[in-house]
PDB file of N, CA and C in Angstrom:
ATOM      1  N   UNK A   1     204.810 113.317 125.772  1.00  0.00           N
ATOM      2  CA  UNK A   1     203.854 114.680 125.368  1.00  0.00           C
ATOM      3  C   UNK A   1     203.417 115.173 126.807  1.00  0.00           C
ATOM      4  N   UNK A   2     203.687 116.389 127.163  1.00  0.00           N
ATOM      5  CA  UNK A   2     203.155 116.839 128.488  1.00  0.00           C
ATOM      6  C   UNK A   2     201.457 117.092 128.709  1.00  0.00           C
ATOM      7  N   UNK A   3     200.574 116.484 129.649  1.00  0.00           N
ATOM      8  CA  UNK A   3     199.387 116.505 129.604  1.00  0.00           C
ATOM      9  C   UNK A   3     199.267 118.198 130.241  1.00  0.00           C
ATOM     10  N   UNK A   4     197.698 118.675 129.529  1.00  0.00           N
ATOM     11  CA  UNK A   4     197.818 120.136 129.550  1.00  0.00           C
ATOM     12  C   UNK A   4     197.538 120.613 130.857  1.00  0.00           C
ATOM     13  N   UNK A   5     196.576 119.823 131.395  1.00  0.00           N
ATOM     14  CA  UNK A   5     195.671 119.491 132.946  1.00  0.00           C
ATOM     15  C   UNK A   5     196.856 119.531 133.874  1.00  0.00           C
ATOM     16  N   UNK A   6     197.792 118.481 134.001  1.00  0.00           N
ATOM     17  CA  UNK A   6     198.513 118.262 135.195  1.00  0.00           C
ATOM     18  C   UNK A   6     200.052 118.884 134.940  1.00  0.00           C
ATOM     19  N   UNK A   7     200.433 119.122 133.859  1.00  0.00           N
ATOM     20  CA  UNK A   7     201.553 119.350 133.478  1.00  0.00           C
ATOM     21  C   UNK A   7     202.486 118.155 133.709  1.00  0.00           C
ATOM     22  N   UNK A   8     201.809 117.172 133.716  1.00  0.00           N
ATOM     23  CA  UNK A   8     203.075 115.692 134.226  1.00  0.00           C
ATOM     24  C   UNK A   8     203.334 114.968 132.437  1.00  0.00           C
ATOM     25  N   UNK A   9     204.313 114.607 132.022  1.00  0.00           N
ATOM     26  CA  UNK A   9     204.813 113.964 131.109  1.00  0.00           C
ATOM     27  C   UNK A   9     204.345 112.213 131.228  1.00  0.00           C
ATOM     28  N   UNK A  10     203.702 112.142 132.285  1.00  0.00           N
ATOM     29  CA  UNK A  10     202.920 110.528 132.465  1.00  0.00           C
ATOM     30  C   UNK A  10     201.590 110.761 133.467  1.00  0.00           C
ATOM     31  N   UNK A  11     201.015 109.545 132.759  1.00  0.00           N
ATOM     32  CA  UNK A  11     199.466 109.116 133.773  1.00  0.00           C
ATOM     33  C   UNK A  11     199.979 109.061 134.902  1.00  0.00           C
ATOM     34  N   UNK A  12     199.406 109.649 135.719  1.00  0.00           N
ATOM     35  CA  UNK A  12     199.789 109.521 137.156  1.00  0.00           C
ATOM     36  C   UNK A  12     198.899 108.272 137.478  1.00  0.00           C
ATOM     37  N   UNK A  13     199.392 107.851 138.830  1.00  0.00           N
ATOM     38  CA  UNK A  13     199.028 106.260 139.423  1.00  0.00           C
ATOM     39  C   UNK A  13     197.772 106.931 140.393  1.00  0.00           C
ATOM     40  N   UNK A  14     196.785 106.197 140.419  1.00  0.00           N
ATOM     41  CA  UNK A  14     195.933 106.220 141.566  1.00  0.00           C
ATOM     42  C   UNK A  14     196.605 106.405 142.781  1.00  0.00           C
ATOM     43  N   UNK A  15     196.406 107.056 143.770  1.00  0.00           N
ATOM     44  CA  UNK A  15     197.180 106.793 145.387  1.00  0.00           C
ATOM     45  C   UNK A  15     196.893 105.500 145.664  1.00  0.00           C
ATOM     46  N   UNK A  16     195.719 104.982 145.548  1.00  0.00           N
ATOM     47  CA  UNK A  16     195.316 103.465 146.044  1.00  0.00           C
ATOM     48  C   UNK A  16     196.394 102.617 145.563  1.00  0.00           C
ATOM     49  N   UNK A  17     197.108 102.634 144.460  1.00  0.00           N
ATOM     50  CA  UNK A  17     197.714 101.848 143.767  1.00  0.00           C
ATOM     51  C   UNK A  17     199.419 101.918 144.185  1.00  0.00           C
ATOM     52  N   UNK A  18     199.705 103.281 144.443  1.00  0.00           N
ATOM     53  CA  UNK A  18     201.165 103.381 145.427  1.00  0.00           C
ATOM     54  C   UNK A  18     200.844 102.768 146.142  1.00  0.00           C
ATOM     55  N   UNK A  19     200.080 102.830 147.306  1.00  0.00           N
ATOM     56  CA  UNK A  19     199.750 102.216 148.529  1.00  0.00           C
ATOM     57  C   UNK A  19     199.762 100.788 148.806  1.00  0.00           C
ATOM     58  N   UNK A  20     199.185 100.503 147.335  1.00  0.00           N
ATOM     59  CA  UNK A  20     198.885  98.716 147.364  1.00  0.00           C
ATOM     60  C   UNK A  20     200.514  98.209 147.183  1.00  0.00           C
ATOM     61  N   UNK A  21     201.031  98.790 146.162  1.00  0.00           N
ATOM     62  CA  UNK A  21     201.893  97.951 145.045  1.00  0.00           C
ATOM     63  C   UNK A  21     203.545  98.902 145.659  1.00  0.00           C
ATOM     64  N   UNK A  22     203.092  99.411 146.707  1.00  0.00           N
ATOM     65  CA  UNK A  22     204.409 100.113 147.109  1.00  0.00           C
ATOM     66  C   UNK A  22     204.523 100.071 148.277  1.00  0.00           C
ATOM     67  N   UNK A  23     203.680 100.753 149.071  1.00  0.00           N
ATOM     68  CA  UNK A  23     203.646 101.376 150.267  1.00  0.00           C
ATOM     69  C   UNK A  23     203.477 100.173 151.502  1.00  0.00           C
ATOM     70  N   UNK A  24     202.449  99.204 151.240  1.00  0.00           N
ATOM     71  CA  UNK A  24     202.018  98.016 152.350  1.00  0.00           C
ATOM     72  C   UNK A  24     203.464  96.734 152.085  1.00  0.00           C
ATOM     73  N   UNK A  25     203.857  96.513 151.256  1.00  0.00           N
ATOM     74  CA  UNK A  25     204.561  95.462 151.005  1.00  0.00           C
ATOM     75  C   UNK A  25     206.011  96.305 151.385  1.00  0.00           C
ATOM     76  N   UNK A  26     206.219  97.376 151.604  1.00  0.00           N
ATOM     77  CA  UNK A  26     207.663  98.127 152.318  1.00  0.00           C
ATOM     78  C   UNK A  26     207.193  98.237 153.600  1.00  0.00           C
ATOM     79  N   UNK A  27     205.853  98.334 154.007  1.00  0.00           N
ATOM     80  CA  UNK A  27     205.672  98.162 155.847  1.00  0.00           C
ATOM     81  C   UNK A  27     205.723  96.437 156.276  1.00  0.00           C
ATOM     82  N   UNK A  28     205.181  95.997 155.274  1.00  0.00           N
ATOM     83  CA  UNK A  28     205.159  94.522 155.881  1.00  0.00           C
ATOM     84  C   UNK A  28     203.634  93.995 156.341  1.00  0.00           C
ATOM     85  N   UNK A  29     202.878  95.018 155.745  1.00  0.00           N
ATOM     86  CA  UNK A  29     201.342  94.703 156.685  1.00  0.00           C
ATOM     87  C   UNK A  29     200.497  94.183 155.499  1.00  0.00           C
ATOM     88  N   UNK A  30     199.324  93.469 156.154  1.00  0.00           N
ATOM     89  CA  UNK A  30     198.228  93.059 155.211  1.00  0.00           C
ATOM     90  C   UNK A  30     197.243  94.505 155.314  1.00  0.00           C
ATOM     91  N   UNK A  31     196.487  94.307 154.363  1.00  0.00           N
ATOM     92  CA  UNK A  31     195.327  95.182 154.515  1.00  0.00           C
ATOM     93  C   UNK A  31     194.466  95.558 155.854  1.00  0.00           C
ATOM     94  N   UNK A  32     194.149  94.581 156.666  1.00  0.00           N
ATOM     95  CA  UNK A  32     193.180  94.194 157.512  1.00  0.00           C
ATOM     96  C   UNK A  32     194.709  95.077 158.583  1.00  0.00           C
ATOM     97  N   UNK A  33     195.434  94.942 158.387  1.00  0.00           N
ATOM     98  CA  UNK A  33     196.705  95.637 159.647  1.00  0.00           C
ATOM     99  C   UNK A  33     196.801  96.808 159.358  1.00  0.00           C
ATOM    100  N   UNK A  34     196.850  97.299 158.457  1.00  0.00           N
ATOM    101  CA  UNK A  34     196.587  98.470 157.903  1.00  0.00           C
ATOM    102  C   UNK A  34     195.859  99.576 158.272  1.00  0.00           C
ATOM    103  N   UNK A  35     194.498  99.106 157.684  1.00  0.00           N
ATOM    104  CA  UNK A  35     192.888  99.389 158.457  1.00  0.00           C
ATOM    105  C   UNK A  35     193.195  99.465 159.772  1.00  0.00           C
ATOM    106  N   UNK A  36     193.674  98.694 160.294  1.00  0.00           N
ATOM    107  CA  UNK A  36     193.579  98.630 161.753  1.00  0.00           C
ATOM    108  C   UNK A  36     194.266  99.845 162.295  1.00  0.00           C
ATOM    109  N   UNK A  37     195.423  99.864 161.727  1.00  0.00           N
ATOM    110  CA  UNK A  37     196.131 101.265 162.324  1.00  0.00           C
ATOM    111  C   UNK A  37     196.184 102.426 162.024  1.00  0.00           C
ATOM    112  N   UNK A  38     195.227 102.723 161.031  1.00  0.00           N
ATOM    113  CA  UNK A  38     194.833 103.511 160.438  1.00  0.00           C
ATOM    114  C   UNK A  38     193.425 104.279 161.146  1.00  0.00           C
ATOM    115  N   UNK A  39     192.751 103.049 161.709  1.00  0.00           N
ATOM    116  CA  UNK A  39     191.785 103.572 162.346  1.00  0.00           C
ATOM    117  C   UNK A  39     190.093 103.350 161.277  1.00  0.00           C
ATOM    118  N   UNK A  40     190.464 102.658 160.165  1.00  0.00           N
ATOM    119  CA  UNK A  40     189.460 102.696 159.304  1.00  0.00           C
ATOM    120  C   UNK A  40     189.054 101.377 158.954  1.00  0.00           C
ATOM    121  N   UNK A  41     187.439 101.154 158.590  1.00  0.00           N
ATOM    122  CA  UNK A  41     187.014  99.763 158.063  1.00  0.00           C
ATOM    123  C   UNK A  41     187.713  99.249 156.650  1.00  0.00           C
ATOM    124  N   UNK A  42     188.101  97.939 156.920  1.00  0.00           N
ATOM    125  CA  UNK A  42     188.911  97.119 155.393  1.00  0.00           C
ATOM    126  C   UNK A  42     188.213  97.091 154.741  1.00  0.00           C
ATOM    127  N   UNK A  43     187.024  97.479 154.729  1.00  0.00           N
ATOM    128  CA  UNK A  43     186.221  97.199 152.930  1.00  0.00           C
ATOM    129  C   UNK A  43     186.562  98.440 152.411  1.00  0.00           C
ATOM    130  N   UNK A  44     186.572  99.899 153.118  1.00  0.00           N
ATOM    131  CA  UNK A  44     186.792 101.373 152.468  1.00  0.00           C
ATOM    132  C   UNK A  44     188.474 101.510 152.165  1.00  0.00           C
ATOM    133  N   UNK A  45     189.372 100.970 153.110  1.00  0.00           N
ATOM    134  CA  UNK A  45     190.442 100.627 152.766  1.00  0.00           C
ATOM    135  C   UNK A  45     190.853  99.875 151.369  1.00  0.00           C
ATOM    136  N   UNK A  46     190.109  98.975 151.386  1.00  0.00           N
ATOM    137  CA  UNK A  46     190.297  98.137 149.989  1.00  0.00           C
ATOM    138  C   UNK A  46     189.644  98.871 149.120  1.00  0.00           C
ATOM    139  N   UNK A  47     188.672  99.119 149.019  1.00  0.00           N
ATOM    140  CA  UNK A  47     188.149 100.501 147.849  1.00  0.00           C
ATOM    141  C   UNK A  47     188.898 101.268 147.360  1.00  0.00           C
ATOM    142  N   UNK A  48     189.857 102.046 148.266  1.00  0.00           N
ATOM    143  CA  UNK A  48     190.804 102.812 148.114  1.00  0.00           C
ATOM    144  C   UNK A  48     192.284 102.128 147.305  1.00  0.00           C
ATOM    145  N   UNK A  49     192.454 100.723 147.546  1.00  0.00           N
ATOM    146  CA  UNK A  49     193.478 100.253 147.625  1.00  0.00           C
ATOM    147  C   UNK A  49     193.756  99.910 145.824  1.00  0.00           C
ATOM    148  N   UNK A  50     192.154  99.925 145.573  1.00  0.00           N
ATOM    149  CA  UNK A  50     191.837  99.070 144.267  1.00  0.00           C
ATOM    150  C   UNK A  50     191.325 100.379 143.442  1.00  0.00           C
ATOM    151  N   UNK A  51     191.490 101.668 143.711  1.00  0.00           N
ATOM    152  CA  UNK A  51     191.560 102.829 142.958  1.00  0.00           C
ATOM    153  C   UNK A  51     190.071 102.840 142.472  1.00  0.00           C
ATOM    154  N   UNK A  52     188.993 102.364 143.363  1.00  0.00           N
ATOM    155  CA  UNK A  52     187.580 102.557 143.099  1.00  0.00           C
ATOM    156  C   UNK A  52     186.647 103.840 144.126  1.00  0.00           C
ATOM    157  N   UNK A  53     188.238 104.027 144.796  1.00  0.00           N
ATOM    158  CA  UNK A  53     187.682 105.242 145.601  1.00  0.00           C
ATOM    159  C   UNK A  53     188.611 106.257 145.879  1.00  0.00           C
ATOM    160  N   UNK A  54     188.280 107.758 145.885  1.00  0.00           N
ATOM    161  CA  UNK A  54     189.627 108.549 145.987  1.00  0.00           C
ATOM    162  C   UNK A  54     189.820 108.905 147.477  1.00  0.00           C
ATOM    163  N   UNK A  55     191.331 108.841 147.596  1.00  0.00           N
ATOM    164  CA  UNK A  55     191.824 109.519 148.851  1.00  0.00           C
ATOM    165  C   UNK A  55     190.369 110.918 149.248  1.00  0.00           C
ATOM    166  N   UNK A  56     190.021 110.476 150.576  1.00  0.00           N
ATOM    167  CA  UNK A  56     189.109 111.728 150.843  1.00  0.00           C
ATOM    168  C   UNK A  56     190.133 112.380 151.736  1.00  0.00           C
ATOM    169  N   UNK A  57     189.852 113.543 152.637  1.00  0.00           N
ATOM    170  CA  UNK A  57     190.601 114.840 153.539  1.00  0.00           C
ATOM    171  C   UNK A  57     190.791 113.717 154.631  1.00  0.00           C
ATOM    172  N   UNK A  58     189.961 113.174 155.210  1.00  0.00           N
ATOM    173  CA  UNK A  58     189.941 112.540 156.244  1.00  0.00           C
ATOM    174  C   UNK A  58     191.008 110.921 156.264  1.00  0.00           C
ATOM    175  N   UNK A  59     191.167 110.634 154.972  1.00  0.00           N
ATOM    176  CA  UNK A  59     192.245 109.247 154.874  1.00  0.00           C
ATOM    177  C   UNK A  59     193.416 110.366 154.912  1.00  0.00           C
ATOM    178  N   UNK A  60     193.611 111.081 153.977  1.00  0.00           N
ATOM    179  CA  UNK A  60     194.766 111.984 153.690  1.00  0.00           C
ATOM    180  C   UNK A  60     195.213 112.099 154.876  1.00  0.00           C
ATOM    181  N   UNK A  61     194.415 112.794 155.832  1.00  0.00           N
ATOM    182  CA  UNK A  61     195.167 113.070 157.288  1.00  0.00           C
ATOM    183  C   UNK A  61     195.798 111.911 157.938  1.00  0.00           C
ATOM    184  N   UNK A  62     194.732 110.793 157.746  1.00  0.00           N
ATOM    185  CA  UNK A  62     195.294 109.357 158.587  1.00  0.00           C
ATOM    186  C   UNK A  62     196.447 109.166 157.740  1.00  0.00           C
ATOM    187  N   UNK A  63     196.498 109.053 156.341  1.00  0.00           N
ATOM    188  CA  UNK A  63     197.625 108.674 155.721  1.00  0.00           C
ATOM    189  C   UNK A  63     199.009 109.493 155.977  1.00  0.00           C
ATOM    190  N   UNK A  64     198.704 110.412 156.162  1.00  0.00           N
ATOM    191  CA  UNK A  64     199.759 111.708 156.448  1.00  0.00           C
ATOM    192  C   UNK A  64     200.391 111.512 157.955  1.00  0.00           C
ATOM    193  N   UNK A  65     199.800 111.032 158.486  1.00  0.00           N
ATOM    194  CA  UNK A  65     200.433 110.962 160.001  1.00  0.00           C
ATOM    195  C   UNK A  65     201.207 109.316 160.353  1.00  0.00           C
ATOM    196  N   UNK A  66     200.558 108.696 159.554  1.00  0.00           N
ATOM    197  CA  UNK A  66     200.789 107.282 159.560  1.00  0.00           C
ATOM    198  C   UNK A  66     202.214 107.278 159.064  1.00  0.00           C
ATOM    199  N   UNK A  67     202.279 107.799 157.788  1.00  0.00           N
ATOM    200  CA  UNK A  67     203.425 107.592 157.060  1.00  0.00           C
ATOM    201  C   UNK A  67     204.341 108.579 156.937  1.00  0.00           C
ATOM    202  N   UNK A  68     204.122 109.734 157.653  1.00  0.00           N
ATOM    203  CA  UNK A  68     204.827 110.951 157.622  1.00  0.00           C
ATOM    204  C   UNK A  68     204.954 111.627 156.808  1.00  0.00           C
ATOM    205  N   UNK A  69     204.244 111.493 155.620  1.00  0.00           N
ATOM    206  CA  UNK A  69     204.111 112.375 154.492  1.00  0.00           C
ATOM    207  C   UNK A  69     203.546 113.664 154.641  1.00  0.00           C
ATOM    208  N   UNK A  70     202.406 113.928 155.431  1.00  0.00           N
ATOM    209  CA  UNK A  70     201.493 114.846 155.656  1.00  0.00           C
ATOM    210  C   UNK A  70     200.503 114.778 154.467  1.00  0.00           C
ATOM    211  N   UNK A  71     199.314 114.872 154.857  1.00  0.00           N
ATOM    212  CA  UNK A  71     197.992 114.816 154.077  1.00  0.00           C
ATOM    213  C   UNK A  71     197.836 115.695 152.517  1.00  0.00           C
ATOM    214  N   UNK A  72     198.997 117.030 152.478  1.00  0.00           N
ATOM    215  CA  UNK A  72     199.040 117.145 151.545  1.00  0.00           C
ATOM    216  C   UNK A  72     199.455 116.067 150.465  1.00  0.00           C
ATOM    217  N   UNK A  73     200.402 115.453 150.704  1.00  0.00           N
ATOM    218  CA  UNK A  73     201.238 114.601 149.561  1.00  0.00           C
ATOM    219  C   UNK A  73     200.082 113.838 149.261  1.00  0.00           C
ATOM    220  N   UNK A  74     199.059 113.338 149.931  1.00  0.00           N
ATOM    221  CA  UNK A  74     198.075 112.106 149.089  1.00  0.00           C
ATOM    222  C   UNK A  74     196.712 112.975 148.367  1.00  0.00           C
ATOM    223  N   UNK A  75     196.655 114.536 149.009  1.00  0.00           N
ATOM    224  CA  UNK A  75     195.673 115.013 148.269  1.00  0.00           C
ATOM    225  C   UNK A  75     196.248 115.246 147.089  1.00  0.00           C
ATOM    226  N   UNK A  76     197.363 115.877 147.325  1.00  0.00           N
ATOM    227  CA  UNK A  76     197.811 116.158 145.428  1.00  0.00           C
ATOM    228  C   UNK A  76     198.096 115.009 144.727  1.00  0.00           C
ATOM    229  N   UNK A  77     198.314 113.994 145.319  1.00  0.00           N
ATOM    230  CA  UNK A  77     198.368 112.748 144.088  1.00  0.00           C
ATOM    231  C   UNK A  77     197.033 112.446 143.721  1.00  0.00           C
ATOM    232  N   UNK A  78     196.059 112.808 144.651  1.00  0.00           N
ATOM    233  CA  UNK A  78     194.590 112.541 143.897  1.00  0.00           C
ATOM    234  C   UNK A  78     194.388 113.563 143.124  1.00  0.00           C
ATOM    235  N   UNK A  79     194.925 114.845 143.456  1.00  0.00           N
ATOM    236  CA  UNK A  79     194.062 115.985 142.580  1.00  0.00           C
ATOM    237  C   UNK A  79     194.864 115.334 141.189  1.00  0.00           C
ATOM    238  N   UNK A  80     195.997 115.420 141.157  1.00  0.00           N
ATOM    239  CA  UNK A  80     196.672 115.055 139.418  1.00  0.00           C
ATOM    240  C   UNK A  80     196.063 113.943 139.132  1.00  0.00           C
ATOM    241  N   UNK A  81     195.585 112.646 139.841  1.00  0.00           N
ATOM    242  CA  UNK A  81     195.031 112.022 139.301  1.00  0.00           C
ATOM    243  C   UNK A  81     193.517 112.313 138.712  1.00  0.00           C
ATOM    244  N   UNK A  82     192.964 112.909 139.321  1.00  0.00           N
ATOM    245  CA  UNK A  82     191.456 113.506 138.972  1.00  0.00           C
ATOM    246  C   UNK A  82     192.057 114.558 137.670  1.00  0.00           C
ATOM    247  N   UNK A  83     192.654 115.622 137.585  1.00  0.00           N
ATOM    248  CA  UNK A  83     192.986 116.389 136.615  1.00  0.00           C
ATOM    249  C   UNK A  83     193.500 115.406 135.444  1.00  0.00           C
ATOM    250  N   UNK A  84     193.939 114.688 135.700  1.00  0.00           N
ATOM    251  CA  UNK A  84     193.994 113.636 133.978  1.00  0.00           C
ATOM    252  C   UNK A  84     193.130 112.738 133.932  1.00  0.00           C
ATOM    253  N   UNK A  85     192.583 112.415 134.684  1.00  0.00           N
ATOM    254  CA  UNK A  85     191.403 111.181 134.549  1.00  0.00           C
ATOM    255  C   UNK A  85     190.161 111.675 134.120  1.00  0.00           C
ATOM    256  N   UNK A  86     189.721 112.135 135.519  1.00  0.00           N
ATOM    257  CA  UNK A  86     188.221 112.647 135.490  1.00  0.00           C
ATOM    258  C   UNK A  86     187.763 113.921 135.088  1.00  0.00           C
ATOM    259  N   UNK A  87     188.644 114.986 135.141  1.00  0.00           N
ATOM    260  CA  UNK A  87     188.086 116.444 134.843  1.00  0.00           C
ATOM    261  C   UNK A  87     187.956 116.473 133.284  1.00  0.00           C
ATOM    262  N   UNK A  88     189.144 116.065 132.379  1.00  0.00           N
ATOM    263  CA  UNK A  88     188.717 115.948 130.930  1.00  0.00           C
ATOM    264  C   UNK A  88     187.071 115.328 130.329  1.00  0.00           C
ATOM    265  N   UNK A  89     186.971 114.858 131.328  1.00  0.00           N
ATOM    266  CA  UNK A  89     185.747 113.694 130.751  1.00  0.00           C
ATOM    267  C   UNK A  89     184.701 114.718 131.270  1.00  0.00           C
ATOM    268  N   UNK A  90     184.239 115.336 132.562  1.00  0.00           N
ATOM    269  CA  UNK A  90     183.510 116.086 132.757  1.00  0.00           C
ATOM    270  C   UNK A  90     183.651 117.628 131.910  1.00  0.00           C
ATOM    271  N   UNK A  91     184.937 117.792 131.909  1.00  0.00           N
ATOM    272  CA  UNK A  91     185.099 119.350 131.013  1.00  0.00           C
ATOM    273  C   UNK A  91     184.297 119.483 129.868  1.00  0.00           C
ATOM    274  N   UNK A  92     184.574 118.402 129.049  1.00  0.00           N
ATOM    275  CA  UNK A  92     184.058 118.260 127.711  1.00  0.00           C
ATOM    276  C   UNK A  92     182.319 118.053 127.592  1.00  0.00           C
ATOM    277  N   UNK A  93     181.775 117.752 128.699  1.00  0.00           N
ATOM    278  CA  UNK A  93     180.274 117.710 128.894  1.00  0.00           C
ATOM    279  C   UNK A  93     179.734 119.318 129.349  1.00  0.00           C
ATOM    280  N   UNK A  94     180.441 120.314 129.890  1.00  0.00           N
ATOM    281  CA  UNK A  94     179.854 121.460 130.380  1.00  0.00           C
ATOM    282  C   UNK A  94     180.812 122.704 129.541  1.00  0.00           C
ATOM    283  N   UNK A  95     179.295 123.319 129.076  1.00  0.00           N
ATOM    284  CA  UNK A  95     179.526 124.242 127.964  1.00  0.00           C
ATOM    285  C   UNK A  95     179.408 125.441 128.948  1.00  0.00           C
ATOM    286  N   UNK A  96     180.543 126.084 129.226  1.00  0.00           N
ATOM    287  CA  UNK A  96     181.044 127.793 129.550  1.00  0.00           C
ATOM    288  C   UNK A  96     181.402 128.589 129.081  1.00  0.00           C
ATOM    289  N   UNK A  97     181.033 129.600 128.259  1.00  0.00           N
ATOM    290  CA  UNK A  97     182.283 130.543 127.676  1.00  0.00           C
ATOM    291  C   UNK A  97     183.060 131.113 128.506  1.00  0.00           C
ATOM    292  N   UNK A  98     184.099 131.697 128.213  1.00  0.00           N
ATOM    293  CA  UNK A  98     185.229 132.173 129.130  1.00  0.00           C
ATOM    294  C   UNK A  98     184.795 133.839 129.390  1.00  0.00           C
ATOM    295  N   UNK A  99     184.903 133.978 130.330  1.00  0.00           N
ATOM    296  CA  UNK A  99     184.532 135.769 130.751  1.00  0.00           C
ATOM    297  C   UNK A  99     185.806 136.421 130.072  1.00  0.00           C
ATOM    298  N   UNK A 100     185.532 137.499 129.850  1.00  0.00           N
ATOM    299  CA  UNK A 100     186.383 138.924 129.657  1.00  0.00           C
ATOM    300  C   UNK A 100     186.026 140.052 130.759  1.00  0.00           C
ATOM    301  N   UNK A 101     187.304 140.396 131.759  1.00  0.00           N
ATOM    302  CA  UNK A 101     187.105 141.478 132.522  1.00  0.00           C
ATOM    303  C   UNK A 101     186.941 142.901 131.684  1.00  0.00           C
ATOM    304  N   UNK A 102     186.498 143.652 132.234  1.00  0.00           N
ATOM    305  CA  UNK A 102     186.257 144.745 132.186  1.00  0.00           C
ATOM    306  C   UNK A 102     187.142 145.358 131.238  1.00  0.00           C
ATOM    307  N   UNK A 103     188.699 145.115 131.711  1.00  0.00           N
ATOM    308  CA  UNK A 103     189.552 146.234 131.383  1.00  0.00           C
ATOM    309  C   UNK A 103     190.434 145.349 130.543  1.00  0.00           C
ATOM    310  N   UNK A 104     189.917 144.421 129.793  1.00  0.00           N
ATOM    311  CA  UNK A 104     190.148 144.177 128.511  1.00  0.00           C
ATOM    312  C   UNK A 104     191.028 142.844 129.031  1.00  0.00           C
ATOM    313  N   UNK A 105     191.325 142.423 130.062  1.00  0.00           N
ATOM    314  CA  UNK A 105     192.186 140.965 130.260  1.00  0.00           C
ATOM    315  C   UNK A 105     191.537 139.867 130.623  1.00  0.00           C
ATOM    316  N   UNK A 106     192.203 138.756 130.743  1.00  0.00           N
ATOM    317  CA  UNK A 106     190.814 137.675 131.252  1.00  0.00           C
ATOM    318  C   UNK A 106     190.657 137.492 132.811  1.00  0.00           C
ATOM    319  N   UNK A 107     189.652 136.856 132.953  1.00  0.00           N
ATOM    320  CA  UNK A 107     189.271 136.539 133.858  1.00  0.00           C
ATOM    321  C   UNK A 107     190.506 135.537 134.527  1.00  0.00           C
ATOM    322  N   UNK A 108     191.044 135.536 136.051  1.00  0.00           N
ATOM    323  CA  UNK A 108     191.896 135.052 136.342  1.00  0.00           C
ATOM    324  C   UNK A 108     191.439 133.703 137.045  1.00  0.00           C
TER     325      UNK A 108
END
């Protein structure tokens, strides 16, 4: 089944999970070494790796430079994760009626 919000046929992983399970082992680096290379605190990186913290713009830039992927790669991955897990839960709690444009079309 395709997710209506993300357009994906699977539950997207948290970017930290990708880093922890795929990237760090391929680099042969520890969390301490990776944090030092990125110029961030180990505790903050650990929060990201354990999917307890989202990828920030700052972290996306650091990851993009270090891994040669660009910041957009990490922000897009975080967005897909958020759309799948966070947005539906918040959306159900927000009651806003759709708007109609005066020409009869729908608002973009």
